[in-house]
């Protein structure tokens, strides 16, 4: 099993998508990429911790390679907007890939270079690719948020359309 940590806006948006990927055994929402120890959600939302909202993904690379996870990641969020995804604005919502494996970071950089060179996006990708120093799991009420609150307005307006896009592009493949 391997792990990768991805941030692409609100962690509530990424978690239900990656939970549906065959070969992914665990998805934990949390915080990474900053310098505050054991940050709270309130602290991260303030934008003062340096942390991004992220998902820590545990996966079997024999079932789903990192390249496929990153393809999904780049499809379900906009990697060209600096420190924002939709109405969520701030460094805590930045696009970021973190790993303790240098080879995984190199693969991520190659994929970004390929996407930039292909013209897949009008603007350049601003996704940070950095070593993972530490991951802090978010508070329990954030884990499985969409599954627990599917009728909540944010879930219906923001998360559900991303999930539908994922299903349309990737399910059955």
Protein backbone atom coordinates (compact mmCIF):
# COMPACT_ATOMS: atom_id res chain seq x y z
CA UNK A 1 0.00 0.00 0.00
CA UNK A 2 1.07 3.56 -0.71
CA UNK A 3 -0.17 6.99 0.28
CA UNK A 4 -0.54 10.37 -1.39
CA UNK A 5 -1.92 13.63 0.02
CA UNK A 6 -3.93 15.88 -2.28
CA UNK A 7 -5.51 19.28 -1.80
CA UNK A 8 -7.85 20.83 -4.32
CA UNK A 9 -10.18 23.16 -2.48
CA UNK A 10 -12.49 22.02 0.28
CA UNK A 11 -11.58 18.55 1.52
CA UNK A 12 -15.26 17.66 1.68
CA UNK A 13 -15.27 17.74 -2.15
CA UNK A 14 -12.37 15.35 -2.70
CA UNK A 15 -13.15 12.75 -0.07
CA UNK A 16 -16.33 11.22 -1.59
CA UNK A 17 -14.70 11.07 -5.01
CA UNK A 18 -11.60 9.17 -3.92
CA UNK A 19 -13.68 6.85 -1.70
CA UNK A 20 -15.27 5.57 -4.92
CA UNK A 21 -11.98 4.69 -6.63
CA UNK A 22 -11.22 0.99 -6.85
CA UNK A 23 -7.90 0.29 -5.14
CA UNK A 24 -8.28 3.11 -2.61
CA UNK A 25 -8.58 1.58 0.84
CA UNK A 26 -8.81 4.73 2.98
CA UNK A 27 -9.39 8.47 2.64
CA UNK A 28 -8.90 10.76 5.63
CA UNK A 29 -9.56 14.49 5.45
CA UNK A 30 -7.11 16.75 7.21
CA UNK A 31 -4.47 19.42 7.01
CA UNK A 32 -0.93 19.54 5.60
CA UNK A 33 1.62 21.84 4.10
CA UNK A 34 1.76 24.40 6.89
CA UNK A 35 3.73 25.15 10.01
CA UNK A 36 1.18 25.08 12.85
CA UNK A 37 1.19 21.93 15.00
CA UNK A 38 -2.17 20.16 15.40
CA UNK A 39 -4.25 22.89 13.77
CA UNK A 40 -7.99 23.08 14.23
CA UNK A 41 -10.46 23.62 11.42
CA UNK A 42 -11.08 27.15 12.64
CA UNK A 43 -7.35 27.90 12.59
CA UNK A 44 -6.90 26.47 9.10
CA UNK A 45 -9.91 28.41 7.82
CA UNK A 46 -8.34 31.62 9.13
CA UNK A 47 -5.57 31.19 6.55
CA UNK A 48 -2.85 31.78 9.14
CA UNK A 49 -1.51 28.23 9.61
CA UNK A 50 -0.06 27.69 6.15
CA UNK A 51 -1.95 24.39 5.96
CA UNK A 52 -4.19 23.35 3.11
CA UNK A 53 -7.33 21.26 3.44
CA UNK A 54 -6.27 17.89 2.03
CA UNK A 55 -7.17 14.23 1.70
CA UNK A 56 -4.74 11.52 2.77
CA UNK A 57 -5.29 8.61 0.39
CA UNK A 58 -4.12 5.06 1.03
CA UNK A 59 -4.15 2.97 -2.14
CA UNK A 60 -2.91 -0.20 -3.77
CA UNK A 61 -0.72 0.83 -6.73
CA UNK A 62 -1.29 -2.60 -8.30
CA UNK A 63 -4.99 -1.75 -8.60
CA UNK A 64 -4.87 2.00 -9.17
CA UNK A 65 -1.58 3.61 -10.16
CA UNK A 66 -0.63 7.07 -8.94
CA UNK A 67 -1.02 8.39 -12.48
CA UNK A 68 -4.74 7.45 -12.43
CA UNK A 69 -5.26 9.10 -9.04
CA UNK A 70 -3.64 12.26 -10.36
CA UNK A 71 -5.73 12.13 -13.53
CA UNK A 72 -8.82 12.07 -11.34
CA UNK A 73 -7.43 14.86 -9.16
CA UNK A 74 -6.75 17.16 -12.13
CA UNK A 75 -10.19 16.42 -13.59
CA UNK A 76 -12.29 17.17 -10.49
CA UNK A 77 -10.76 20.52 -9.51
CA UNK A 78 -9.28 23.56 -11.25
CA UNK A 79 -5.50 23.39 -10.82
CA UNK A 80 -5.03 26.76 -12.53
CA UNK A 81 -6.57 29.01 -9.89
CA UNK A 82 -4.18 30.19 -7.20
CA UNK A 83 -5.48 29.78 -3.65
CA UNK A 84 -9.09 29.23 -4.61
CA UNK A 85 -11.65 26.74 -5.80
CA UNK A 86 -14.95 28.36 -6.71
CA UNK A 87 -16.17 30.46 -3.80
CA UNK A 88 -13.58 28.96 -1.43
CA UNK A 89 -10.73 31.49 -1.31
CA UNK A 90 -7.45 31.39 0.63
CA UNK A 91 -4.22 29.45 0.82
CA UNK A 92 -6.05 26.71 2.71
CA UNK A 93 -7.88 25.89 -0.57
CA UNK A 94 -4.78 25.78 -2.79
CA UNK A 95 -4.05 22.99 -5.20
CA UNK A 96 -1.29 20.87 -3.70
CA UNK A 97 0.26 17.40 -3.96
CA UNK A 98 2.30 16.14 -1.01
CA UNK A 99 4.23 12.89 -0.66
CA UNK A 100 7.10 11.45 1.29
CA UNK A 101 8.18 9.57 -1.84
CA UNK A 102 10.49 11.52 -4.18
CA UNK A 103 9.51 9.31 -7.12
CA UNK A 104 5.83 10.15 -6.60
CA UNK A 105 6.68 13.85 -6.55
CA UNK A 106 8.62 13.43 -9.80
CA UNK A 107 5.65 11.65 -11.40
CA UNK A 108 3.36 14.50 -10.29
CA UNK A 109 5.72 17.10 -11.81
CA UNK A 110 5.88 15.12 -15.08
CA UNK A 111 2.10 14.96 -15.27
CA UNK A 112 1.82 18.70 -14.64
CA UNK A 113 4.44 19.42 -17.32
CA UNK A 114 2.56 17.18 -19.74
CA UNK A 115 -0.75 18.88 -19.03
CA UNK A 116 0.79 22.33 -19.38
CA UNK A 117 2.47 21.37 -22.67
CA UNK A 118 -0.67 19.74 -24.04
CA UNK A 119 -2.78 22.87 -23.70
CA UNK A 120 -5.31 20.94 -21.59
CA UNK A 121 -5.87 24.13 -19.62
CA UNK A 122 -5.98 27.72 -20.88
CA UNK A 123 -3.91 28.91 -17.92
CA UNK A 124 -0.82 27.27 -16.41
CA UNK A 125 -1.24 24.79 -13.58
CA UNK A 126 -0.33 26.32 -10.20
CA UNK A 127 -0.48 23.09 -8.18
CA UNK A 128 2.28 22.91 -5.58
CA UNK A 129 4.26 19.66 -5.49
CA UNK A 130 6.07 19.36 -2.17
CA UNK A 131 7.40 16.77 0.26
CA UNK A 132 4.96 15.74 2.97
CA UNK A 133 6.31 16.67 6.37
CA UNK A 134 3.27 15.85 8.49
CA UNK A 135 -0.44 15.20 8.02
CA UNK A 136 -2.97 16.15 10.67
CA UNK A 137 -6.36 14.41 10.49
CA UNK A 138 -9.28 16.82 10.69
CA UNK A 139 -11.84 16.67 13.47
CA UNK A 140 -14.18 13.66 13.41
CA UNK A 141 -17.20 15.61 12.18
CA UNK A 142 -15.35 16.36 8.91
CA UNK A 143 -14.72 12.68 8.14
CA UNK A 144 -17.34 11.37 5.71
CA UNK A 145 -19.04 14.77 5.68
CA UNK A 146 -20.81 14.33 2.34
CA UNK A 147 -22.04 10.84 3.25
CA UNK A 148 -23.43 12.17 6.54
CA UNK A 149 -24.90 15.39 5.11
CA UNK A 150 -25.93 14.79 1.48
CA UNK A 151 -28.88 17.18 1.66
CA UNK A 152 -26.89 20.07 3.16
CA UNK A 153 -26.81 23.04 0.73
CA UNK A 154 -23.01 23.05 0.22
CA UNK A 155 -23.11 19.33 -0.49
CA UNK A 156 -25.88 19.73 -3.07
CA UNK A 157 -24.50 22.85 -4.76
CA UNK A 158 -20.74 22.20 -4.71
CA UNK A 159 -19.91 18.58 -3.94
CA UNK A 160 -22.67 16.72 -5.81
CA UNK A 161 -21.78 18.26 -9.21
CA UNK A 162 -18.11 17.33 -8.75
CA UNK A 163 -19.12 13.81 -7.84
CA UNK A 164 -21.36 13.60 -10.91
CA UNK A 165 -18.50 14.80 -13.11
CA UNK A 166 -16.27 12.12 -11.63
CA UNK A 167 -18.90 9.43 -12.22
CA UNK A 168 -19.45 10.55 -15.80
CA UNK A 169 -15.75 10.55 -16.65
CA UNK A 170 -14.35 7.68 -14.58
CA UNK A 171 -16.91 5.16 -13.33
CA UNK A 172 -16.78 1.88 -15.16
CA UNK A 173 -13.23 2.49 -16.34
